[in-house]
């Protein structure tokens, strides 16, 4: 069994939810030092996505009407989308899925870094 007491702590600026995920990932996966930067970016992307979702809820929805009366997408829609895409890509780059390979065309599978 691997000693988990020496694992890096989550960055202090992460939300409690992202920090808990950080700890879960480090408990279940063996990451190289450079992967910690990717994990941090994934946690930050998750937090940004949640912030954008909250901004949309706080400001009344997905659209707004500009000064000319034109209905436009709220800027937080793009922020949420971009953060979601970044999170998904970072999770894939870290090879955290660990499930069976899909038969659908996709980028080549990465070798797993799951702890034994």
Protein backbone atom coordinates (compact mmCIF):
# COMPACT_ATOMS: atom_id res chain seq x y z
CA UNK A 1 0.00 0.00 0.00
CA UNK A 2 1.27 3.46 -0.91
CA UNK A 3 1.94 6.02 1.85
CA UNK A 4 -0.50 8.84 1.11
CA UNK A 5 0.62 11.16 3.92
CA UNK A 6 3.27 12.83 1.76
CA UNK A 7 0.93 13.76 -1.10
CA UNK A 8 0.84 17.42 -2.12
CA UNK A 9 -1.99 19.44 -0.64
CA UNK A 10 -4.42 21.24 -2.94
CA UNK A 11 -3.71 24.89 -3.75
CA UNK A 12 -5.38 27.14 -1.19
CA UNK A 13 -7.36 29.13 -3.79
CA UNK A 14 -9.43 26.12 -4.88
CA UNK A 15 -12.99 25.68 -3.69
CA UNK A 16 -13.70 22.94 -1.16
CA UNK A 17 -15.22 20.82 -3.95
CA UNK A 18 -12.17 21.14 -6.21
CA UNK A 19 -9.79 20.58 -3.28
CA UNK A 20 -11.63 17.38 -2.34
CA UNK A 21 -11.35 16.17 -5.94
CA UNK A 22 -7.61 17.01 -5.92
CA UNK A 23 -7.16 14.79 -2.85
CA UNK A 24 -9.25 11.99 -4.40
CA UNK A 25 -7.21 12.05 -7.61
CA UNK A 26 -3.90 11.94 -5.75
CA UNK A 27 -5.18 9.09 -3.58
CA UNK A 28 -6.25 7.02 -6.61
CA UNK A 29 -3.60 7.91 -9.21
CA UNK A 30 0.15 8.11 -9.29
CA UNK A 31 1.01 11.41 -10.95
CA UNK A 32 4.39 12.69 -12.07
CA UNK A 33 5.38 16.16 -10.81
CA UNK A 34 4.46 17.81 -14.12
CA UNK A 35 0.99 16.24 -13.89
CA UNK A 36 0.33 18.28 -10.74
CA UNK A 37 0.26 21.40 -12.92
CA UNK A 38 -2.33 19.77 -15.16
CA UNK A 39 -4.35 18.69 -12.13
CA UNK A 40 -4.23 22.23 -10.78
CA UNK A 41 -5.42 23.59 -14.14
CA UNK A 42 -8.24 21.02 -14.20
CA UNK A 43 -9.35 22.03 -10.71
CA UNK A 44 -9.23 25.70 -11.68
CA UNK A 45 -11.23 24.98 -14.84
CA UNK A 46 -13.85 23.17 -12.75
CA UNK A 47 -14.07 26.12 -10.36
CA UNK A 48 -14.32 28.58 -13.28
CA UNK A 49 -17.12 26.53 -14.82
CA UNK A 50 -19.02 26.58 -11.53
CA UNK A 51 -18.46 30.34 -11.17
CA UNK A 52 -19.85 30.91 -14.65
CA UNK A 53 -22.89 28.75 -13.89
CA UNK A 54 -23.50 30.77 -10.73
CA UNK A 55 -23.13 34.06 -12.65
CA UNK A 56 -25.75 32.87 -15.12
CA UNK A 57 -28.10 31.98 -12.29
CA UNK A 58 -27.44 35.29 -10.53
CA UNK A 59 -28.00 37.39 -13.65
CA UNK A 60 -31.16 35.75 -14.83
CA UNK A 61 -30.23 33.32 -17.54
CA UNK A 62 -28.38 32.61 -20.73
CA UNK A 63 -29.23 35.79 -22.62
CA UNK A 64 -29.56 39.53 -22.15
CA UNK A 65 -30.92 42.33 -24.28
CA UNK A 66 -28.33 44.90 -25.32
CA UNK A 67 -28.84 48.66 -25.63
CA UNK A 68 -30.20 48.23 -29.19
CA UNK A 69 -32.76 45.64 -28.13
CA UNK A 70 -30.82 42.71 -29.59
CA UNK A 71 -30.87 39.46 -27.60
CA UNK A 72 -27.34 38.24 -26.99
CA UNK A 73 -25.71 35.35 -25.18
CA UNK A 74 -24.51 36.20 -21.70
CA UNK A 75 -20.66 36.27 -21.63
CA UNK A 76 -20.69 33.63 -18.88
CA UNK A 77 -22.12 31.13 -21.39
CA UNK A 78 -18.81 31.15 -23.28
CA UNK A 79 -16.83 31.11 -20.02
CA UNK A 80 -18.70 28.03 -18.84
CA UNK A 81 -18.27 26.27 -22.19
CA UNK A 82 -14.56 27.07 -22.39
CA UNK A 83 -13.94 25.90 -18.83
CA UNK A 84 -15.92 22.69 -19.46
CA UNK A 85 -13.85 21.92 -22.57
CA UNK A 86 -10.62 22.69 -20.72
CA UNK A 87 -11.61 20.46 -17.82
CA UNK A 88 -12.52 17.55 -20.11
CA UNK A 89 -9.26 17.86 -22.03
CA UNK A 90 -7.16 18.06 -18.89
CA UNK A 91 -8.86 15.02 -17.36
CA UNK A 92 -8.16 13.12 -20.57
CA UNK A 93 -4.55 14.31 -20.64
CA UNK A 94 -4.14 13.08 -17.06
CA UNK A 95 -5.72 9.75 -18.11
CA UNK A 96 -8.17 9.80 -15.22
CA UNK A 97 -11.00 8.04 -17.02
CA UNK A 98 -9.55 4.57 -16.62
CA UNK A 99 -12.60 2.92 -18.17
CA UNK A 100 -12.87 0.55 -21.10
CA UNK A 101 -11.80 1.94 -24.43
CA UNK A 102 -14.55 3.11 -26.71
CA UNK A 103 -14.86 1.80 -30.23
CA UNK A 104 -15.82 5.27 -31.44
CA UNK A 105 -13.08 7.15 -33.31
CA UNK A 106 -11.09 9.27 -30.88
CA UNK A 107 -7.50 10.23 -30.13
CA UNK A 108 -5.21 7.34 -29.17
CA UNK A 109 -5.58 6.01 -25.64
CA UNK A 110 -3.05 7.06 -23.04
CA UNK A 111 -1.33 4.63 -20.73
CA UNK A 112 -2.94 4.52 -17.32
CA UNK A 113 -1.35 6.00 -14.24
CA UNK A 114 -3.84 4.42 -11.81
CA UNK A 115 -2.36 3.30 -8.50
CA UNK A 116 -2.17 -0.46 -7.98
